[in-house]
Amino acid sequence: MVTARKGTKARKSISPKLYSKKMTDSKNEEELKYESVGEEYSDVLCEKCGSGHRPVELLLCDKCDRGFHLFCLSPILAAVPKGSWLCSSCSHQKNLTNFPLDQTKIFDFFRIQRCSNPTEKLSPDCRKRRKRSSSLVVSKKRRKLLAFSPSEDSNRRLEQMASLATALTTNGAEFSNELTYVPGMAPRSANRAILERDGMQVMSKDDRETLILCKNMMERGEWPPLMVVFDSREGFTVEADRTIRDLTIISEYVGDVDYLQNHEDDDGDSMMTLLSATDPSKSLKQNVKCLRFDVNGECRVLLIASRDIKKGERLYFDYNGYENVYPTQHFI
């Protein structure tokens, strides 16, 4: 039986008030739980659209018991939250607080190295490397990755970083620019490229140099030209703040490394835009791809521009790449 769901981990931790039957058969306990839920909430309608259709995507507020379709919420949700969930009326959501546009606070938040002689211009090494890379991209043998081109205006770069800091602090996330191995989670030895089931492409020397260049630029505060924009319908989205060329390194998956099975039921807070793909003819085309590389024996995952991206265009990608482990049909 398909029923409206409470904002709890799927098929677990259903509130005691939902029980209308005595649990005597442990074998059918889960089935009885959901039958009782269906009896009590079978007439629940979405408070936004007034429909009871698609009940599997109908979420119940844990305080007022009113129903809301995942796709009717603002911003929309991709899946039933793991823990308890309150609607906007019960949660008393506060207005979005922007991160202070203060260089010292921004640099401290992102742990940016301060230059002894700050300047408005980008580092010469950055411009030189980008010029060299662009001349090699026409090679017929193999197309090389490109380093991103930071915005030349330092004030604009601060605004870009502040937009990301706003998104991170709003979601209670911490910033990291490297892969980290925390005790109790996956060890470094588990992230070896040799363990990949179907093998993994080895990153070339030139591409490694490009990746190192990108990392060094970010440590100096020369970040990819991206703005994180809050959309009342879709939540936090990412937009190109200047033209980004095809095969440009945009970002890398970093932070704590752990086994996938330990997070199969985690809430998915992707920084990229959510897109409903129920009508493929209206779906926007993906402009970012996820690539896995063997970098000195370690598995590294990069987000690469899959085509030229114009200024103001939102970034879309499938954050699982080729691994169909999470239900990501509404993510690109």
Protein backbone atom coordinates (compact mmCIF):
# COMPACT_ATOMS: atom_id res chain seq x y z
CA MET A 1 0.00 0.00 0.00
CA VAL A 2 1.39 3.42 -0.98
CA THR A 3 0.80 6.04 1.69
CA ALA A 4 1.86 9.51 2.68
CA ARG A 5 5.13 9.46 4.57
CA LYS A 6 6.25 11.11 7.74
CA GLY A 7 9.56 12.93 7.55
CA THR A 8 11.50 10.01 8.92
CA LYS A 9 13.89 7.45 7.55
CA ALA A 10 12.02 5.37 4.99
CA ARG A 11 10.18 2.44 6.60
CA LYS A 12 11.74 3.11 9.98
CA SER A 13 11.01 5.12 13.14
CA ILE A 14 7.31 5.70 12.41
CA SER A 15 5.74 7.75 15.20
CA PRO A 16 3.86 5.66 17.84
CA LYS A 17 0.71 7.74 17.25
CA LEU A 18 0.39 6.12 13.82
CA TYR A 19 -0.20 2.66 15.25
CA SER A 20 -3.79 1.46 15.21
CA LYS A 21 -3.04 -2.25 15.36
CA LYS A 22 -1.36 -4.34 17.99
CA MET A 23 1.96 -5.68 16.76
CA THR A 24 1.81 -9.41 17.41
CA ASP A 25 3.57 -10.84 14.39
CA SER A 26 7.16 -9.60 14.24
CA LYS A 27 7.55 -11.03 10.75
CA ASN A 28 4.90 -8.63 9.36
CA GLU A 29 5.64 -5.71 11.67
CA GLU A 30 6.73 -3.31 8.94
CA GLU A 31 3.76 -4.24 6.75
CA LEU A 32 1.32 -3.64 9.61
CA LYS A 33 2.92 -0.30 10.36
CA TYR A 34 2.30 0.97 6.88
CA GLU A 35 -1.22 -0.43 6.74
CA SER A 36 -2.03 1.51 9.90
CA VAL A 37 -0.45 4.63 8.44
CA GLY A 38 -2.60 4.22 5.33
CA GLU A 39 -5.80 3.91 7.39
CA GLU A 40 -5.12 7.12 9.30
CA TYR A 41 -3.72 9.24 6.47
CA SER A 42 -5.47 7.87 3.38
CA ASP A 43 -7.45 11.11 2.96
CA VAL A 44 -4.47 13.48 3.26
CA LEU A 45 -4.25 16.09 0.51
CA CYS A 46 -1.39 18.38 -0.42
CA GLU A 47 -1.82 21.80 1.17
CA LYS A 48 -0.31 23.45 -1.92
CA CYS A 49 -2.03 21.81 -4.90
CA GLY A 50 -5.01 20.23 -3.12
CA SER A 51 -4.35 16.83 -4.69
CA GLY A 52 -3.84 13.45 -3.08
CA HIS A 53 -2.22 11.97 -6.17
CA ARG A 54 1.30 10.48 -6.02
CA PRO A 55 1.01 9.73 -2.27
CA VAL A 56 4.50 8.22 -2.19
CA GLU A 57 5.76 11.79 -2.66
CA LEU A 58 3.40 13.28 -0.08
CA LEU A 59 5.30 14.40 3.02
CA LEU A 60 3.61 14.90 6.39
CA CYS A 61 4.64 17.60 8.84
CA ASP A 62 5.68 16.02 12.15
CA LYS A 63 3.92 18.79 14.10
CA CYS A 64 0.66 19.66 12.34
CA ASP A 65 0.27 16.46 10.24
CA ARG A 66 -0.58 18.46 7.12
CA GLY A 67 0.58 17.02 3.82
CA PHE A 68 2.83 18.51 1.15
CA HIS A 69 4.09 17.03 -2.10
CA LEU A 70 7.89 17.04 -2.26
CA PHE A 71 7.69 18.88 -5.59
CA CYS A 72 5.20 21.46 -4.29
CA LEU A 73 7.51 22.72 -1.54
CA SER A 74 9.63 25.84 -1.90
CA PRO A 75 12.40 24.91 -2.23
CA ILE A 76 11.49 21.47 -3.52
CA LEU A 77 12.84 18.33 -1.87
CA ALA A 78 14.41 15.45 -3.78
CA ALA A 79 13.47 12.78 -1.24
CA VAL A 80 11.77 12.22 2.11
CA PRO A 81 14.08 13.68 4.78
CA LYS A 82 15.92 11.19 6.96
CA GLY A 83 14.88 12.79 10.26
CA SER A 84 11.84 14.71 11.42
CA TRP A 85 10.46 17.40 9.15
CA LEU A 86 8.40 20.52 9.84
CA CYS A 87 6.51 22.60 7.31
CA SER A 88 7.34 26.29 6.91
CA SER A 89 4.46 27.33 9.19
CA CYS A 90 5.62 25.09 12.04
CA SER A 91 9.35 25.59 11.65
CA HIS A 92 9.19 29.41 11.69
CA GLN A 93 11.94 29.61 9.10
CA LYS A 94 14.09 32.71 9.33
CA ASN A 95 15.07 34.82 6.37
CA LEU A 96 18.31 33.88 4.64
CA THR A 97 21.31 35.54 6.31
CA ASN A 98 24.03 36.50 3.87
CA PHE A 99 27.64 35.90 4.85
CA PRO A 100 29.39 39.24 5.60
CA LEU A 101 31.13 40.72 2.57
CA ASP A 102 34.28 41.20 4.60
CA GLN A 103 37.64 40.08 3.21
CA THR A 104 39.07 39.05 6.58
CA LYS A 105 36.05 36.94 7.51
CA ILE A 106 35.85 35.37 4.05
CA PHE A 107 39.56 34.56 3.98
CA ASP A 108 39.37 33.05 7.46
CA PHE A 109 36.31 30.96 6.55
CA PHE A 110 38.00 29.48 3.48
CA ARG A 111 41.49 29.45 5.06
CA ILE A 112 42.93 31.48 2.18
CA GLN A 113 46.63 32.32 2.22
CA ARG A 114 47.17 36.06 2.41
CA CYS A 115 49.71 37.46 -0.04
CA SER A 116 52.37 39.82 1.31
CA ASN A 117 51.77 42.17 -1.64
CA PRO A 118 48.09 42.00 -2.54
CA THR A 119 47.20 43.15 -6.02
CA GLU A 120 44.13 43.52 -8.21
CA LYS A 121 45.72 41.41 -10.95
CA LEU A 122 45.78 37.65 -11.12
CA SER A 123 49.08 35.84 -10.66
CA PRO A 124 51.25 35.68 -13.83
CA ASP A 125 51.62 31.90 -13.44
CA CYS A 126 47.85 31.54 -13.68
CA ARG A 127 47.60 33.51 -16.93
CA LYS A 128 50.64 31.79 -18.41
CA ARG A 129 49.35 28.30 -17.64
CA ARG A 130 45.91 29.04 -19.05
CA LYS A 131 47.44 30.31 -22.27
CA ARG A 132 49.53 27.17 -22.61
CA SER A 133 46.55 24.92 -21.98
CA SER A 134 44.37 26.65 -24.56
CA SER A 135 46.97 26.07 -27.25
CA LEU A 136 47.02 22.34 -26.52
CA VAL A 137 43.28 21.78 -26.53
CA VAL A 138 43.24 21.46 -30.34
CA SER A 139 45.38 18.33 -30.18
CA LYS A 140 43.82 15.40 -32.02
CA LYS A 141 45.41 12.81 -29.74
CA ARG A 142 43.70 13.76 -26.48
CA ARG A 143 41.92 16.80 -25.20
CA LYS A 144 43.52 18.15 -22.06
CA LEU A 145 41.76 19.59 -19.05
CA LEU A 146 41.78 23.36 -18.65
CA ALA A 147 42.30 25.42 -15.52
CA PHE A 148 39.40 27.71 -14.64
CA SER A 149 39.75 31.46 -15.26
CA PRO A 150 39.00 33.45 -12.08
CA SER A 151 37.22 36.79 -12.30
CA GLU A 152 39.79 39.55 -12.60
CA ASP A 153 37.97 41.89 -10.21
CA SER A 154 39.00 40.98 -6.66
CA ASN A 155 35.79 42.49 -5.24
CA ARG A 156 33.74 40.25 -7.50
CA ARG A 157 35.71 37.24 -6.34
CA LEU A 158 34.86 38.16 -2.75
CA GLU A 159 31.17 38.29 -3.66
CA GLN A 160 31.45 34.85 -5.25
CA MET A 161 33.10 33.36 -2.18
CA ALA A 162 30.60 35.07 0.13
CA SER A 163 27.75 33.47 -1.82
CA LEU A 164 29.24 30.02 -1.26
CA ALA A 165 29.89 30.76 2.41
CA THR A 166 26.23 31.77 2.77
CA ALA A 167 25.09 28.43 1.36
CA LEU A 168 27.50 26.43 3.52
CA THR A 169 26.65 28.19 6.78
CA THR A 170 22.91 28.03 6.05
CA ASN A 171 23.16 24.24 5.67
CA GLY A 172 25.49 23.84 8.64
CA ALA A 173 28.33 22.59 6.43
CA GLU A 174 32.05 23.14 6.93
CA PHE A 175 34.46 24.07 4.17
CA SER A 176 37.23 21.74 3.05
CA ASN A 177 39.49 21.91 0.00
CA GLU A 178 41.07 18.47 0.40
CA LEU A 179 40.09 14.85 0.91
CA THR A 180 40.10 14.14 4.64
CA TYR A 181 40.30 10.78 6.38
CA VAL A 182 38.64 10.81 9.78
CA PRO A 183 39.00 8.04 12.40
CA GLY A 184 35.91 5.85 12.36
CA MET A 185 35.31 6.44 8.68
CA ALA A 186 37.00 5.04 5.56
CA PRO A 187 40.81 4.95 5.82
CA ARG A 188 43.07 6.32 3.09
CA SER A 189 43.91 2.75 2.04
CA ALA A 190 40.27 2.23 1.01
CA ASN A 191 40.38 5.07 -1.51
CA ARG A 192 42.86 3.41 -3.86
CA ALA A 193 42.12 3.58 -7.56
CA ILE A 194 43.25 -0.03 -7.98
CA LEU A 195 40.16 -1.14 -6.04
CA GLU A 196 37.81 0.33 -8.66
CA ARG A 197 35.65 -2.44 -10.08
CA ASP A 198 36.08 -1.59 -13.77
CA GLY A 199 39.34 0.29 -13.51
CA MET A 200 39.92 4.03 -13.54
CA GLN A 201 41.59 6.34 -16.01
CA VAL A 202 45.01 7.54 -14.89
CA MET A 203 45.34 11.32 -14.90
CA SER A 204 48.11 12.47 -17.24
CA LYS A 205 51.04 14.59 -16.11
CA ASP A 206 49.67 17.68 -17.87
CA ASP A 207 46.25 17.28 -16.27
CA ARG A 208 47.84 16.77 -12.84
CA GLU A 209 49.70 20.04 -13.28
CA THR A 210 46.43 21.73 -14.24
CA LEU A 211 44.69 20.32 -11.15
CA ILE A 212 47.54 21.49 -8.91
CA LEU A 213 47.32 24.93 -10.50
CA CYS A 214 43.60 25.11 -9.71
CA LYS A 215 44.26 24.11 -6.10
CA ASN A 216 47.00 26.72 -5.75
CA MET A 217 44.78 29.43 -7.21
CA MET A 218 42.02 28.64 -4.73
CA GLU A 219 44.46 28.80 -1.84
CA ARG A 220 45.31 32.34 -2.99
CA GLY A 221 41.66 33.34 -3.23
CA GLU A 222 41.46 33.02 -7.02
CA TRP A 223 38.32 30.89 -7.25
CA PRO A 224 36.24 29.54 -10.13
CA PRO A 225 33.88 32.22 -11.51
CA LEU A 226 30.71 30.89 -9.86
CA MET A 227 27.86 32.48 -7.92
CA VAL A 228 25.70 30.49 -5.53
CA VAL A 229 22.19 31.89 -5.89
CA PHE A 230 19.21 31.05 -3.70
CA ASP A 231 16.08 30.25 -5.68
CA SER A 232 12.83 30.21 -3.70
CA ARG A 233 11.66 27.24 -5.76
CA GLU A 234 14.85 25.20 -6.17
CA GLY A 235 16.96 26.26 -3.18
CA PHE A 236 20.67 27.00 -3.59
CA THR A 237 21.79 26.87 -7.21
CA VAL A 238 25.12 27.56 -8.92
CA GLU A 239 25.54 29.94 -11.85
CA ALA A 240 28.51 30.71 -14.08
CA ASP A 241 29.70 34.27 -13.43
CA ARG A 242 31.66 34.38 -16.66
CA THR A 243 32.04 32.12 -19.69
CA ILE A 244 33.49 28.70 -18.80
CA ARG A 245 35.09 26.73 -21.61
CA ASP A 246 34.49 23.07 -22.36
CA LEU A 247 36.72 20.69 -20.31
CA THR A 248 37.44 23.33 -17.67
CA ILE A 249 37.99 22.04 -14.13
CA ILE A 250 35.20 23.54 -12.05
CA SER A 251 35.57 21.81 -8.72
CA GLU A 252 36.54 18.60 -6.95
CA TYR A 253 34.65 16.35 -4.57
CA VAL A 254 36.45 16.92 -1.28
CA GLY A 255 35.83 16.54 2.44
CA ASP A 256 35.44 13.46 4.63
CA VAL A 257 35.86 10.13 2.84
CA ASP A 258 33.60 7.26 3.89
CA TYR A 259 31.98 4.10 2.54
CA LEU A 260 28.87 4.61 0.43
CA GLN A 261 26.77 2.10 2.37
CA ASN A 262 27.16 4.23 5.49
CA HIS A 263 25.27 7.08 3.83
CA GLU A 264 22.66 5.45 1.62
CA ASP A 265 19.84 7.04 3.62
CA ASP A 266 21.45 10.45 4.11
CA ASP A 267 19.59 13.53 2.96
CA GLY A 268 21.02 14.74 -0.36
CA ASP A 269 21.95 18.43 -0.20
CA SER A 270 23.46 18.96 -3.62
CA MET A 271 24.80 22.44 -4.33
CA MET A 272 23.82 21.95 -7.95
CA THR A 273 20.38 22.74 -9.29
CA LEU A 274 17.49 20.29 -8.88
CA LEU A 275 15.55 19.61 -12.04
CA SER A 276 12.40 17.54 -12.46
CA ALA A 277 12.88 15.27 -15.46
CA THR A 278 9.33 14.01 -15.82
CA ASP A 279 9.09 15.68 -19.24
CA PRO A 280 12.41 15.08 -21.05
CA SER A 281 11.51 17.56 -23.80
CA LYS A 282 11.52 20.37 -21.22
CA SER A 283 14.64 19.24 -19.37
CA LEU A 284 17.72 21.44 -19.54
CA LYS A 285 20.85 19.90 -20.96
CA GLN A 286 23.59 18.81 -18.60
CA ASN A 287 26.63 21.11 -18.78
CA VAL A 288 28.84 19.57 -16.10
CA LYS A 289 30.11 16.00 -15.90
CA CYS A 290 31.64 14.01 -13.07
CA LEU A 291 34.93 12.28 -13.89
CA ARG A 292 36.95 9.89 -11.73
CA PHE A 293 40.73 9.81 -11.99
CA ASP A 294 43.64 7.82 -10.63
CA VAL A 295 45.92 10.53 -9.24
CA ASN A 296 49.09 8.97 -7.84
CA GLY A 297 47.09 5.87 -6.90
CA GLU A 298 44.34 7.80 -5.10
CA CYS A 299 40.79 8.09 -6.42
CA ARG A 300 39.89 11.71 -7.17
CA VAL A 301 36.55 12.94 -8.50
CA LEU A 302 36.34 16.16 -10.51
CA LEU A 303 33.49 18.24 -11.89
CA ILE A 304 34.35 19.23 -15.46
CA ALA A 305 32.51 21.48 -17.91
CA SER A 306 31.02 19.17 -20.55
CA ARG A 307 30.52 22.05 -22.99
CA ASP A 308 30.98 25.81 -23.16
CA ILE A 309 28.92 27.44 -20.41
CA LYS A 310 27.71 31.01 -20.85
CA LYS A 311 27.69 33.65 -18.12
CA GLY A 312 24.49 33.45 -16.08
CA GLU A 313 23.83 29.82 -17.01
CA ARG A 314 23.06 27.44 -14.17
CA LEU A 315 25.18 24.36 -13.68
CA TYR A 316 23.53 20.97 -14.03
CA PHE A 317 25.03 17.54 -13.47
CA ASP A 318 24.34 14.01 -12.22
CA TYR A 319 26.25 13.91 -8.96
CA ASN A 320 26.40 10.11 -9.00
CA GLY A 321 28.12 9.87 -12.37
CA TYR A 322 27.59 6.34 -13.67
CA GLU A 323 26.74 4.84 -10.28
CA ASN A 324 22.98 4.38 -10.00
CA VAL A 325 22.99 3.91 -6.26
CA TYR A 326 20.93 6.89 -5.09
CA PRO A 327 17.54 7.83 -6.59
CA THR A 328 18.88 10.74 -8.63
CA GLN A 329 16.33 10.93 -11.41
CA HIS A 330 15.48 14.45 -10.26
CA PHE A 331 19.11 15.58 -9.98
CA ILE A 332 21.31 16.78 -12.81
